[in-house]
Amino acid sequence: MVRNPPAATRDRLIHLDGVGVQFGLNPVLRDISLGIGPGQTVVVIGESGCGKTVLLKLLIGLLRPTTGTVRFDGKVLTELGERELTRQRLRFGFLFQGAALFDSLNVFDNVSLGLREQRRFSETEIRDRVRQRLQEVGLPASVEPKMPAELSGGMKKRVGLARALALDPEVMLYDEPTTGLDPIMSDVINELILQTRQRRPMTCVVVTHDMKTVRKVADRVIMFYPLVQLQPDDRQILFDGTPDELDQCTDLRVKLFFEGNARAMLISLGGSSAREAHHGLARSGGPRWRSTHPTLEVSCERQRLTLPDRHLCADVAHPDGGPRHHLQRRADTVHAE
């Protein structure tokens, strides 16, 4: 039996409550709770392996959570029978990372596939809708007989978007929509995401690494962090707010990701790349100390060592071969002992 949703979640089209996902011994998501209202465009960012695509598959019921519940329009997805779950999935459109076109079908048949499976549209209606959706994504009717192998990467993405929009979904899920595209075509896809939302009321969830996509299409930004880099009591969601608030976020991990700064990661990996990163950091902001903890960066400025992370203590070595120090947290400052 499907339970009635709590009153606090009824104004949210999508609601996750304490959701965790684990594959064998590998946890990917932990205690994720969030709600997405109708009409929102939510962009999910984070390092590779932090569970962004897993989140999309949870929302459409392709994966079952190990713990917690996923609700769509008040219904707990894991409590639905297969027929009802299929009916709910038809309310979603999904643009896959590689477009996921069927190689053996031409463009027309790829876009029309969902319409034919519904068995409620005439051939004339199917033809008109396919051409309309292709036109909406900037493709002429002349592409209809082409096979996927004849299309560029950008054209494949647009055909995939036309197929996802063919059934007039209430929710669009985009998995890395600009990956592998040149800057101009990436911006075309971003514009299409905006235009799609403007043409018809729609809730959108976009997974991306592209900060231009974040700035252009997002009403709200959520940043996940890989569990392997977190302590057991750390929250996996580092940020949840507007793009403007993202600019002002003081969390070092968020800032480094948003700026595309890999130096802290190179330092944690060690080796020659780490030494080069140290020299770059020293040139740009004074001497730096390297922690033996793989997720810790410590900076040294005027004999005061600031520890951005939440660890209580660490052993660090000066990058130029100076003496090792043991650091102990005192309030928000870490002192060398």
C-alpha atoms as a PDB file:
ATOM      1  CA  MET A   1       0.000   0.000   0.000  1.00  0.00           C
ATOM      2  CA  VAL A   2       1.241   3.508  -0.829  1.00  0.00           C
ATOM      3  CA  ARG A   3       1.431   5.682   2.272  1.00  0.00           C
ATOM      4  CA  ASN A   4       0.226   9.266   2.267  1.00  0.00           C
ATOM      5  CA  PRO A   5       3.163  11.684   2.259  1.00  0.00           C
ATOM      6  CA  PRO A   6       3.887  13.848   5.292  1.00  0.00           C
ATOM      7  CA  ALA A   7       2.318  17.301   5.065  1.00  0.00           C
ATOM      8  CA  ALA A   8       5.734  18.956   4.805  1.00  0.00           C
ATOM      9  CA  THR A   9       6.527  17.098   1.553  1.00  0.00           C
ATOM     10  CA  ARG A  10       3.255  17.614  -0.327  1.00  0.00           C
ATOM     11  CA  ASP A  11       4.435  20.832  -1.979  1.00  0.00           C
ATOM     12  CA  ARG A  12       7.507  19.040  -3.378  1.00  0.00           C
ATOM     13  CA  LEU A  13       7.267  17.103  -6.594  1.00  0.00           C
ATOM     14  CA  ILE A  14      10.386  15.115  -5.699  1.00  0.00           C
ATOM     15  CA  HIS A  15      11.450  14.284  -2.150  1.00  0.00           C
ATOM     16  CA  LEU A  16      14.335  12.177  -0.835  1.00  0.00           C
ATOM     17  CA  ASP A  17      14.367  11.279   2.853  1.00  0.00           C
ATOM     18  CA  GLY A  18      17.489   9.745   4.421  1.00  0.00           C
ATOM     19  CA  VAL A  19      18.486   8.059   1.149  1.00  0.00           C
ATOM     20  CA  GLY A  20      21.591   5.894   1.007  1.00  0.00           C
ATOM     21  CA  VAL A  21      22.901   3.718  -1.826  1.00  0.00           C
ATOM     22  CA  GLN A  22      25.557   1.050  -1.491  1.00  0.00           C
ATOM     23  CA  PHE A  23      26.929  -1.301  -4.155  1.00  0.00           C
ATOM     24  CA  GLY A  24      28.395  -4.313  -2.381  1.00  0.00           C
ATOM     25  CA  LEU A  25      30.821  -2.881   0.152  1.00  0.00           C
ATOM     26  CA  ASN A  26      31.015   0.498  -1.593  1.00  0.00           C
ATOM     27  CA  PRO A  27      28.693   3.246  -0.314  1.00  0.00           C
ATOM     28  CA  VAL A  28      27.940   5.950  -2.892  1.00  0.00           C
ATOM     29  CA  LEU A  29      25.215   8.049  -1.261  1.00  0.00           C
ATOM     30  CA  ARG A  30      24.639   8.499   2.475  1.00  0.00           C
ATOM     31  CA  ASP A  31      21.707  10.065   4.313  1.00  0.00           C
ATOM     32  CA  ILE A  32      20.607  12.336   1.450  1.00  0.00           C
ATOM     33  CA  SER A  33      17.512  14.386   2.260  1.00  0.00           C
ATOM     34  CA  LEU A  34      16.260  17.021  -0.162  1.00  0.00           C
ATOM     35  CA  GLY A  35      13.132  18.229  -1.899  1.00  0.00           C
ATOM     36  CA  ILE A  36      12.604  19.672  -5.380  1.00  0.00           C
ATOM     37  CA  GLY A  37       9.570  21.812  -6.074  1.00  0.00           C
ATOM     38  CA  PRO A  38       7.575  21.979  -9.317  1.00  0.00           C
ATOM     39  CA  GLY A  39       9.158  24.218 -11.943  1.00  0.00           C
ATOM     40  CA  GLN A  40      12.614  24.328 -10.343  1.00  0.00           C
ATOM     41  CA  THR A  41      15.799  23.830 -12.336  1.00  0.00           C
ATOM     42  CA  VAL A  42      18.264  22.124  -9.992  1.00  0.00           C
ATOM     43  CA  VAL A  43      21.863  21.614 -11.110  1.00  0.00           C
ATOM     44  CA  VAL A  44      23.840  18.897  -9.293  1.00  0.00           C
ATOM     45  CA  ILE A  45      27.629  19.220  -9.312  1.00  0.00           C
ATOM     46  CA  GLY A  46      30.522  17.389  -7.684  1.00  0.00           C
ATOM     47  CA  GLU A  47      33.600  15.300  -8.376  1.00  0.00           C
ATOM     48  CA  SER A  48      33.380  12.113 -10.428  1.00  0.00           C
ATOM     49  CA  GLY A  49      32.178   9.223  -8.288  1.00  0.00           C
ATOM     50  CA  CYS A  50      30.163  11.282  -5.815  1.00  0.00           C
ATOM     51  CA  GLY A  51      26.812   9.766  -6.867  1.00  0.00           C
ATOM     52  CA  LYS A  52      25.310  12.351  -9.216  1.00  0.00           C
ATOM     53  CA  THR A  53      24.144   9.901 -11.901  1.00  0.00           C
ATOM     54  CA  VAL A  54      23.042   7.474  -9.197  1.00  0.00           C
ATOM     55  CA  LEU A  55      20.772  10.260  -7.935  1.00  0.00           C
ATOM     56  CA  LEU A  56      19.125  10.592 -11.363  1.00  0.00           C
ATOM     57  CA  LYS A  57      18.502   6.849 -11.537  1.00  0.00           C
ATOM     58  CA  LEU A  58      16.906   6.962  -8.091  1.00  0.00           C
ATOM     59  CA  LEU A  59      14.549   9.744  -9.157  1.00  0.00           C
ATOM     60  CA  ILE A  60      13.188   7.717 -12.061  1.00  0.00           C
ATOM     61  CA  GLY A  61      13.097   4.409 -10.196  1.00  0.00           C
ATOM     62  CA  LEU A  62      15.878   2.698 -12.156  1.00  0.00           C
ATOM     63  CA  LEU A  63      17.684   2.090  -8.844  1.00  0.00           C
ATOM     64  CA  ARG A  64      16.275   1.269  -5.441  1.00  0.00           C
ATOM     65  CA  PRO A  65      17.790   3.029  -2.426  1.00  0.00           C
ATOM     66  CA  THR A  66      19.578   0.849   0.103  1.00  0.00           C
ATOM     67  CA  THR A  67      18.116   3.003   2.867  1.00  0.00           C
ATOM     68  CA  GLY A  68      15.540   5.798   2.959  1.00  0.00           C
ATOM     69  CA  THR A  69      12.707   6.667   0.590  1.00  0.00           C
ATOM     70  CA  VAL A  70      12.299   8.449  -2.747  1.00  0.00           C
ATOM     71  CA  ARG A  71       8.907  10.047  -3.389  1.00  0.00           C
ATOM     72  CA  PHE A  72       7.603  11.382  -6.674  1.00  0.00           C
ATOM     73  CA  ASP A  73       4.382  13.362  -6.559  1.00  0.00           C
ATOM     74  CA  GLY A  74       3.724  11.949  -3.082  1.00  0.00           C
ATOM     75  CA  LYS A  75       4.247   8.306  -4.051  1.00  0.00           C
ATOM     76  CA  VAL A  76       7.073   6.173  -2.641  1.00  0.00           C
ATOM     77  CA  LEU A  77       8.605   4.651  -5.768  1.00  0.00           C
ATOM     78  CA  THR A  78       9.676   1.385  -4.135  1.00  0.00           C
ATOM     79  CA  GLU A  79       6.068   0.733  -3.063  1.00  0.00           C
ATOM     80  CA  LEU A  80       4.662   0.943  -6.596  1.00  0.00           C
ATOM     81  CA  GLY A  81       3.879  -2.083  -8.723  1.00  0.00           C
ATOM     82  CA  GLU A  82       5.697  -2.451 -12.046  1.00  0.00           C
ATOM     83  CA  ARG A  83       2.769  -1.151 -14.109  1.00  0.00           C
ATOM     84  CA  GLU A  84       2.278   1.941 -11.924  1.00  0.00           C
ATOM     85  CA  LEU A  85       6.023   2.583 -11.801  1.00  0.00           C
ATOM     86  CA  THR A  86       6.138   2.478 -15.612  1.00  0.00           C
ATOM     87  CA  ARG A  87       3.253   4.944 -15.734  1.00  0.00           C
ATOM     88  CA  GLN A  88       5.110   7.331 -13.444  1.00  0.00           C
ATOM     89  CA  ARG A  89       8.311   7.016 -15.476  1.00  0.00           C
ATOM     90  CA  LEU A  90       6.448   8.238 -18.544  1.00  0.00           C
ATOM     91  CA  ARG A  91       6.183  11.587 -16.771  1.00  0.00           C
ATOM     92  CA  PHE A  92       9.986  11.894 -17.040  1.00  0.00           C
ATOM     93  CA  GLY A  93      12.273  12.694 -19.936  1.00  0.00           C
ATOM     94  CA  PHE A  94      15.908  11.575 -19.700  1.00  0.00           C
ATOM     95  CA  LEU A  95      18.788  12.943 -21.764  1.00  0.00           C
ATOM     96  CA  PHE A  96      21.580  10.408 -21.289  1.00  0.00           C
ATOM     97  CA  GLN A  97      25.238  11.372 -21.173  1.00  0.00           C
ATOM     98  CA  GLY A  98      26.031   9.835 -24.561  1.00  0.00           C
ATOM     99  CA  ALA A  99      22.543  10.532 -25.978  1.00  0.00           C
ATOM    100  CA  ALA A 100      21.955   6.720 -25.984  1.00  0.00           C
ATOM    101  CA  LEU A 101      20.465   6.598 -29.478  1.00  0.00           C
ATOM    102  CA  PHE A 102      19.670   3.200 -30.952  1.00  0.00           C
ATOM    103  CA  ASP A 103      22.326   2.582 -33.605  1.00  0.00           C
ATOM    104  CA  SER A 104      20.008   0.462 -35.739  1.00  0.00           C
ATOM    105  CA  LEU A 105      17.279   3.135 -35.933  1.00  0.00           C
ATOM    106  CA  ASN A 106      17.348   6.334 -37.939  1.00  0.00           C
ATOM    107  CA  VAL A 107      16.657   9.729 -36.367  1.00  0.00           C
ATOM    108  CA  PHE A 108      12.914   9.640 -37.048  1.00  0.00           C
ATOM    109  CA  ASP A 109      12.509   6.182 -35.514  1.00  0.00           C
ATOM    110  CA  ASN A 110      14.629   7.087 -32.488  1.00  0.00           C
ATOM    111  CA  VAL A 111      12.512  10.155 -31.719  1.00  0.00           C
ATOM    112  CA  SER A 112       9.227   8.393 -32.421  1.00  0.00           C
ATOM    113  CA  LEU A 113      10.031   5.261 -30.409  1.00  0.00           C
ATOM    114  CA  GLY A 114       8.249   6.314 -27.217  1.00  0.00           C
ATOM    115  CA  LEU A 115       5.241   7.603 -29.141  1.00  0.00           C
ATOM    116  CA  ARG A 116       4.839   4.282 -30.955  1.00  0.00           C
ATOM    117  CA  GLU A 117       5.190   2.322 -27.713  1.00  0.00           C
ATOM    118  CA  GLN A 118       2.263   4.292 -26.280  1.00  0.00           C
ATOM    119  CA  ARG A 119      -0.036   3.002 -29.071  1.00  0.00           C
ATOM    120  CA  ARG A 120      -2.295   6.044 -28.758  1.00  0.00           C
ATOM    121  CA  PHE A 121      -1.012   8.247 -31.575  1.00  0.00           C
ATOM    122  CA  SER A 122      -1.808   8.004 -35.267  1.00  0.00           C
ATOM    123  CA  GLU A 123       0.991   7.971 -37.827  1.00  0.00           C
ATOM    124  CA  THR A 124       0.123  11.541 -38.779  1.00  0.00           C
ATOM    125  CA  GLU A 125       0.309  12.666 -35.150  1.00  0.00           C
ATOM    126  CA  ILE A 126       3.647  10.870 -34.696  1.00  0.00           C
ATOM    127  CA  ARG A 127       5.095  12.465 -37.839  1.00  0.00           C
ATOM    128  CA  ASP A 128       3.960  15.943 -36.834  1.00  0.00           C
ATOM    129  CA  ARG A 129       5.247  15.633 -33.281  1.00  0.00           C
ATOM    130  CA  VAL A 130       8.635  14.250 -34.333  1.00  0.00           C
ATOM    131  CA  ARG A 131       9.154  17.135 -36.769  1.00  0.00           C
ATOM    132  CA  GLN A 132       8.015  19.658 -34.179  1.00  0.00           C
ATOM    133  CA  ARG A 133      10.436  18.342 -31.542  1.00  0.00           C
ATOM    134  CA  LEU A 134      13.320  18.210 -34.017  1.00  0.00           C
ATOM    135  CA  GLN A 135      12.545  21.779 -35.020  1.00  0.00           C
ATOM    136  CA  GLU A 136      12.533  22.829 -31.364  1.00  0.00           C
ATOM    137  CA  VAL A 137      16.104  21.556 -30.948  1.00  0.00           C
ATOM    138  CA  GLY A 138      17.257  23.228 -34.158  1.00  0.00           C
ATOM    139  CA  LEU A 139      17.314  20.246 -36.522  1.00  0.00           C
ATOM    140  CA  PRO A 140      15.705  20.234 -39.993  1.00  0.00           C
ATOM    141  CA  ALA A 141      13.453  17.507 -41.367  1.00  0.00           C
ATOM    142  CA  SER A 142      16.314  16.411 -43.625  1.00  0.00           C
ATOM    143  CA  VAL A 143      18.022  14.679 -40.657  1.00  0.00           C
ATOM    144  CA  GLU A 144      15.114  12.257 -40.153  1.00  0.00           C
ATOM    145  CA  PRO A 145      16.483   9.436 -42.397  1.00  0.00           C
ATOM    146  CA  LYS A 146      20.059   9.726 -41.081  1.00  0.00           C
ATOM    147  CA  MET A 147      21.553   7.032 -38.872  1.00  0.00           C
ATOM    148  CA  PRO A 148      23.280   7.922 -35.560  1.00  0.00           C
ATOM    149  CA  ALA A 149      26.701   7.092 -37.056  1.00  0.00           C
ATOM    150  CA  GLU A 150      26.181   9.935 -39.546  1.00  0.00           C
ATOM    151  CA  LEU A 151      25.607  12.549 -36.828  1.00  0.00           C
ATOM    152  CA  SER A 152      28.050  14.772 -34.970  1.00  0.00           C
ATOM    153  CA  GLY A 153      28.188  14.679 -31.176  1.00  0.00           C
ATOM    154  CA  GLY A 154      26.104  17.836 -30.891  1.00  0.00           C
ATOM    155  CA  MET A 155      23.465  16.521 -33.290  1.00  0.00           C
ATOM    156  CA  LYS A 156      23.213  13.268 -31.320  1.00  0.00           C
ATOM    157  CA  LYS A 157      22.602  15.244 -28.131  1.00  0.00           C
ATOM    158  CA  ARG A 158      19.877  17.256 -29.830  1.00  0.00           C
ATOM    159  CA  VAL A 159      18.198  14.141 -31.233  1.00  0.00           C
ATOM    160  CA  GLY A 160      18.335  12.617 -27.744  1.00  0.00           C
ATOM    161  CA  LEU A 161      16.719  15.752 -26.334  1.00  0.00           C
ATOM    162  CA  ALA A 162      14.000  15.692 -29.015  1.00  0.00           C
ATOM    163  CA  ARG A 163      13.246  12.061 -28.119  1.00  0.00           C
ATOM    164  CA  ALA A 164      13.085  12.905 -24.403  1.00  0.00           C
ATOM    165  CA  LEU A 165      10.661  15.760 -25.105  1.00  0.00           C
ATOM    166  CA  ALA A 166       8.418  13.800 -27.473  1.00  0.00           C
ATOM    167  CA  LEU A 167       6.033  12.666 -24.714  1.00  0.00           C
ATOM    168  CA  ASP A 168       5.783  16.132 -23.089  1.00  0.00           C
ATOM    169  CA  PRO A 169       7.396  15.139 -19.775  1.00  0.00           C
ATOM    170  CA  GLU A 170       6.738  16.965 -16.507  1.00  0.00           C
ATOM    171  CA  VAL A 171      10.314  16.372 -15.349  1.00  0.00           C
ATOM    172  CA  MET A 172      13.493  16.464 -17.449  1.00  0.00           C
ATOM    173  CA  LEU A 173      16.649  14.751 -16.235  1.00  0.00           C
ATOM    174  CA  TYR A 174      19.907  15.754 -17.940  1.00  0.00           C
ATOM    175  CA  ASP A 175      23.025  13.643 -17.372  1.00  0.00           C
ATOM    176  CA  GLU A 176      26.123  15.637 -18.384  1.00  0.00           C
ATOM    177  CA  PRO A 177      24.364  17.308 -21.345  1.00  0.00           C
ATOM    178  CA  THR A 178      27.458  19.199 -22.582  1.00  0.00           C
ATOM    179  CA  THR A 179      30.144  16.537 -22.057  1.00  0.00           C
ATOM    180  CA  GLY A 180      32.327  16.026 -25.134  1.00  0.00           C
ATOM    181  CA  LEU A 181      31.002  19.068 -26.980  1.00  0.00           C
ATOM    182  CA  ASP A 182      32.905  22.121 -28.159  1.00  0.00           C
ATOM    183  CA  PRO A 183      32.186  25.459 -26.386  1.00  0.00           C
ATOM    184  CA  ILE A 184      29.753  26.697 -29.030  1.00  0.00           C
ATOM    185  CA  MET A 185      27.716  23.475 -29.123  1.00  0.00           C
ATOM    186  CA  SER A 186      27.781  23.335 -25.306  1.00  0.00           C
ATOM    187  CA  ASP A 187      26.175  26.762 -25.246  1.00  0.00           C
ATOM    188  CA  VAL A 188      23.604  25.618 -27.817  1.00  0.00           C
ATOM    189  CA  ILE A 189      22.597  22.780 -25.464  1.00  0.00           C
ATOM    190  CA  ASN A 190      22.406  25.211 -22.527  1.00  0.00           C
ATOM    191  CA  GLU A 191      20.160  27.488 -24.578  1.00  0.00           C
ATOM    192  CA  LEU A 192      17.949  24.541 -25.501  1.00  0.00           C
ATOM    193  CA  ILE A 193      17.580  23.638 -21.819  1.00  0.00           C
ATOM    194  CA  LEU A 194      16.431  27.213 -21.146  1.00  0.00           C
ATOM    195  CA  GLN A 195      14.094  27.301 -24.142  1.00  0.00           C
ATOM    196  CA  THR A 196      12.546  23.952 -23.228  1.00  0.00           C
ATOM    197  CA  ARG A 197      11.707  25.257 -19.767  1.00  0.00           C
ATOM    198  CA  GLN A 198      10.273  28.473 -21.217  1.00  0.00           C
ATOM    199  CA  ARG A 199       8.039  26.678 -23.737  1.00  0.00           C
ATOM    200  CA  ARG A 200       6.280  24.482 -21.199  1.00  0.00           C
ATOM    201  CA  PRO A 201       6.136  24.221 -17.382  1.00  0.00           C
ATOM    202  CA  MET A 202       8.769  21.695 -16.381  1.00  0.00           C
ATOM    203  CA  THR A 203      10.937  20.599 -13.474  1.00  0.00           C
ATOM    204  CA  CYS A 204      14.564  20.016 -14.455  1.00  0.00           C
ATOM    205  CA  VAL A 205      17.450  18.214 -12.741  1.00  0.00           C
ATOM    206  CA  VAL A 206      20.796  18.685 -14.482  1.00  0.00           C
ATOM    207  CA  VAL A 207      23.961  16.767 -13.582  1.00  0.00           C
ATOM    208  CA  THR A 208      27.055  18.515 -14.886  1.00  0.00           C
ATOM    209  CA  HIS A 209      30.714  19.439 -14.403  1.00  0.00           C
ATOM    210  CA  ASP A 210      30.286  22.484 -16.657  1.00  0.00           C
ATOM    211  CA  MET A 211      30.286  25.694 -14.610  1.00  0.00           C
ATOM    212  CA  LYS A 212      28.891  27.632 -17.590  1.00  0.00           C
ATOM    213  CA  THR A 213      25.845  25.373 -17.472  1.00  0.00           C
ATOM    214  CA  VAL A 214      25.519  26.067 -13.750  1.00  0.00           C
ATOM    215  CA  ARG A 215      25.552  29.827 -14.267  1.00  0.00           C
ATOM    216  CA  LYS A 216      23.249  29.779 -17.268  1.00  0.00           C
ATOM    217  CA  VAL A 217      20.417  27.409 -16.342  1.00  0.00           C
ATOM    218  CA  ALA A 218      20.352  26.862 -12.568  1.00  0.00           C
ATOM    219  CA  ASP A 219      17.784  28.191 -10.120  1.00  0.00           C
ATOM    220  CA  ARG A 220      19.444  26.099  -7.429  1.00  0.00           C
ATOM    221  CA  VAL A 221      22.796  24.322  -7.136  1.00  0.00           C
ATOM    222  CA  ILE A 222      23.542  21.228  -5.042  1.00  0.00           C
ATOM    223  CA  MET A 223      27.097  19.965  -4.601  1.00  0.00           C
ATOM    224  CA  PHE A 224      27.826  16.382  -3.560  1.00  0.00           C
ATOM    225  CA  TYR A 225      31.194  15.167  -2.244  1.00  0.00           C
ATOM    226  CA  PRO A 226      32.643  11.641  -2.610  1.00  0.00           C
ATOM    227  CA  LEU A 227      32.096   9.558   0.514  1.00  0.00           C
ATOM    228  CA  VAL A 228      35.651   8.202   0.366  1.00  0.00           C
ATOM    229  CA  GLN A 229      36.883  11.706   1.194  1.00  0.00           C
ATOM    230  CA  LEU A 230      34.499  12.279   4.095  1.00  0.00           C
ATOM    231  CA  GLN A 231      34.462  11.323   7.754  1.00  0.00           C
ATOM    232  CA  PRO A 232      31.552   9.125   8.969  1.00  0.00           C
ATOM    233  CA  ASP A 233      29.685  12.077  10.506  1.00  0.00           C
ATOM    234  CA  ASP A 234      30.275  14.527   7.617  1.00  0.00           C
ATOM    235  CA  ARG A 235      27.379  15.631   5.407  1.00  0.00           C
ATOM    236  CA  GLN A 236      27.681  14.545   1.797  1.00  0.00           C
ATOM    237  CA  ILE A 237      25.912  17.652   0.490  1.00  0.00           C
ATOM    238  CA  LEU A 238      28.474  20.453   0.784  1.00  0.00           C
ATOM    239  CA  PHE A 239      26.325  23.180  -0.751  1.00  0.00           C
ATOM    240  CA  ASP A 240      22.649  23.797  -1.500  1.00  0.00           C
ATOM    241  CA  GLY A 241      21.726  27.272  -2.670  1.00  0.00           C
ATOM    242  CA  THR A 242      21.529  29.715  -5.578  1.00  0.00           C
ATOM    243  CA  PRO A 243      24.331  30.333  -8.103  1.00  0.00           C
ATOM    244  CA  ASP A 244      24.947  33.753  -6.503  1.00  0.00           C
ATOM    245  CA  GLU A 245      25.326  32.098  -3.099  1.00  0.00           C
ATOM    246  CA  LEU A 246      27.747  29.620  -4.638  1.00  0.00           C
ATOM    247  CA  ASP A 247      30.052  32.501  -5.523  1.00  0.00           C
ATOM    248  CA  GLN A 248      30.134  33.525  -1.858  1.00  0.00           C
ATOM    249  CA  CYS A 249      30.591  30.023  -0.394  1.00  0.00           C
ATOM    250  CA  THR A 250      33.597  29.830   1.957  1.00  0.00           C
ATOM    251  CA  ASP A 251      33.971  26.026   1.992  1.00  0.00           C
ATOM    252  CA  LEU A 252      37.407  25.382   0.476  1.00  0.00           C
ATOM    253  CA  ARG A 253      36.258  22.176  -1.216  1.00  0.00           C
ATOM    254  CA  VAL A 254      33.424  24.010  -2.959  1.00  0.00           C
ATOM    255  CA  LYS A 255      35.677  26.901  -4.000  1.00  0.00           C
ATOM    256  CA  LEU A 256      38.366  24.610  -5.440  1.00  0.00           C
ATOM    257  CA  PHE A 257      35.793  22.672  -7.472  1.00  0.00           C
ATOM    258  CA  PHE A 258      33.994  25.791  -8.684  1.00  0.00           C
ATOM    259  CA  GLU A 259      37.300  27.402  -9.718  1.00  0.00           C
ATOM    260  CA  GLY A 260      38.625  24.175 -11.280  1.00  0.00           C
ATOM    261  CA  ASN A 261      41.689  24.302  -9.006  1.00  0.00           C
ATOM    262  CA  ALA A 262      43.445  20.906  -8.922  1.00  0.00           C
ATOM    263  CA  ARG A 263      46.456  21.872  -6.818  1.00  0.00           C
ATOM    264  CA  ALA A 264      45.085  20.559  -3.521  1.00  0.00           C
ATOM    265  CA  MET A 265      44.293  17.205  -5.161  1.00  0.00           C
ATOM    266  CA  LEU A 266      47.776  16.984  -6.703  1.00  0.00           C
ATOM    267  CA  ILE A 267      49.297  17.666  -3.293  1.00  0.00           C
ATOM    268  CA  SER A 268      47.277  14.851  -1.745  1.00  0.00           C
ATOM    269  CA  LEU A 269      48.481  12.438  -4.450  1.00  0.00           C
ATOM    270  CA  GLY A 270      52.185  13.173  -3.851  1.00  0.00           C
ATOM    271  CA  GLY A 271      55.016  12.723  -6.390  1.00  0.00           C
ATOM    272  CA  SER A 272      56.418  15.217  -8.899  1.00  0.00           C
ATOM    273  CA  SER A 273      52.979  16.657  -9.653  1.00  0.00           C
ATOM    274  CA  ALA A 274      52.609  17.437  -5.970  1.00  0.00           C
ATOM    275  CA  ARG A 275      55.961  19.228  -5.891  1.00  0.00           C
ATOM    276  CA  GLU A 276      54.967  21.302  -8.897  1.00  0.00           C
ATOM    277  CA  ALA A 277      51.646  22.108  -7.262  1.00  0.00           C
ATOM    278  CA  HIS A 278      53.475  23.193  -4.101  1.00  0.00           C
ATOM    279  CA  HIS A 279      55.684  25.562  -6.064  1.00  0.00           C
ATOM    280  CA  GLY A 280      52.636  26.981  -7.831  1.00  0.00           C
ATOM    281  CA  LEU A 281      50.848  27.505  -4.525  1.00  0.00           C
ATOM    282  CA  ALA A 282      53.916  29.146  -3.023  1.00  0.00           C
ATOM    283  CA  ARG A 283      54.155  31.533  -5.967  1.00  0.00           C
ATOM    284  CA  SER A 284      50.484  32.410  -5.786  1.00  0.00           C
ATOM    285  CA  GLY A 285      49.951  32.648  -2.043  1.00  0.00           C
ATOM    286  CA  GLY A 286      53.043  32.082   0.108  1.00  0.00           C
ATOM    287  CA  PRO A 287      54.511  28.907   1.605  1.00  0.00           C
ATOM    288  CA  ARG A 288      52.335  25.828   2.022  1.00  0.00           C
ATOM    289  CA  TRP A 289      52.636  22.788   4.250  1.00  0.00           C
ATOM    290  CA  ARG A 290      51.628  19.312   3.103  1.00  0.00           C
ATOM    291  CA  SER A 291      49.617  16.994   5.313  1.00  0.00           C
ATOM    292  CA  THR A 292      50.111  13.240   5.523  1.00  0.00           C
ATOM    293  CA  HIS A 293      46.300  12.961   5.567  1.00  0.00           C
ATOM    294  CA  PRO A 294      45.055  12.441   1.974  1.00  0.00           C
ATOM    295  CA  THR A 295      42.169  14.909   2.212  1.00  0.00           C
ATOM    296  CA  LEU A 296      43.888  17.687   4.158  1.00  0.00           C
ATOM    297  CA  GLU A 297      45.442  20.908   2.942  1.00  0.00           C
ATOM    298  CA  VAL A 298      47.204  23.174   5.430  1.00  0.00           C
ATOM    299  CA  SER A 299      48.442  26.670   4.694  1.00  0.00           C
ATOM    300  CA  CYS A 300      51.144  28.548   6.576  1.00  0.00           C
ATOM    301  CA  GLU A 301      50.871  32.304   6.762  1.00  0.00           C
ATOM    302  CA  ARG A 302      52.839  34.373   9.333  1.00  0.00           C
ATOM    303  CA  GLN A 303      53.400  31.311  11.543  1.00  0.00           C
ATOM    304  CA  ARG A 304      49.647  30.737  11.825  1.00  0.00           C
ATOM    305  CA  LEU A 305      48.443  27.474  10.323  1.00  0.00           C
ATOM    306  CA  THR A 306      44.850  27.377   9.164  1.00  0.00           C
ATOM    307  CA  LEU A 307      43.131  24.017   8.775  1.00  0.00           C
ATOM    308  CA  PRO A 308      40.109  24.318   6.442  1.00  0.00           C
ATOM    309  CA  ASP A 309      39.006  20.745   7.022  1.00  0.00           C
ATOM    310  CA  ARG A 310      37.364  19.355  10.160  1.00  0.00           C
ATOM    311  CA  HIS A 311      40.072  16.948  11.260  1.00  0.00           C
ATOM    312  CA  LEU A 312      41.244  17.376  14.832  1.00  0.00           C
ATOM    313  CA  CYS A 313      44.941  16.889  14.218  1.00  0.00           C
ATOM    314  CA  ALA A 314      47.503  15.890  11.597  1.00  0.00           C
ATOM    315  CA  ASP A 315      51.224  15.462  10.950  1.00  0.00           C
ATOM    316  CA  VAL A 316      52.593  17.764   8.275  1.00  0.00           C
ATOM    317  CA  ALA A 317      55.899  18.205   6.510  1.00  0.00           C
ATOM    318  CA  HIS A 318      57.201  21.419   5.002  1.00  0.00           C
ATOM    319  CA  PRO A 319      57.368  21.130   1.167  1.00  0.00           C
ATOM    320  CA  ASP A 320      60.983  22.360   1.159  1.00  0.00           C
ATOM    321  CA  GLY A 321      62.129  19.568   3.476  1.00  0.00           C
ATOM    322  CA  GLY A 322      61.837  21.432   6.769  1.00  0.00           C
ATOM    323  CA  PRO A 323      60.975  19.827  10.112  1.00  0.00           C
ATOM    324  CA  ARG A 324      57.770  17.867  10.629  1.00  0.00           C
ATOM    325  CA  HIS A 325      55.149  19.331  12.925  1.00  0.00           C
ATOM    326  CA  HIS A 326      52.143  17.937  14.721  1.00  0.00           C
ATOM    327  CA  LEU A 327      49.063  20.128  14.396  1.00  0.00           C
ATOM    328  CA  GLN A 328      46.326  20.309  16.990  1.00  0.00           C
ATOM    329  CA  ARG A 329      43.030  22.111  16.429  1.00  0.00           C
ATOM    330  CA  ARG A 330      42.206  24.916  18.820  1.00  0.00           C
ATOM    331  CA  ALA A 331      38.894  26.546  17.958  1.00  0.00           C
ATOM    332  CA  ASP A 332      39.206  27.586  14.278  1.00  0.00           C
ATOM    333  CA  THR A 333      43.011  27.801  14.250  1.00  0.00           C
ATOM    334  CA  VAL A 334      45.569  25.022  14.164  1.00  0.00           C
ATOM    335  CA  HIS A 335      48.894  25.596  15.918  1.00  0.00           C
ATOM    336  CA  ALA A 336      52.210  23.853  15.365  1.00  0.00           C
ATOM    337  CA  GLU A 337      53.525  21.953  18.355  1.00  0.00           C
END
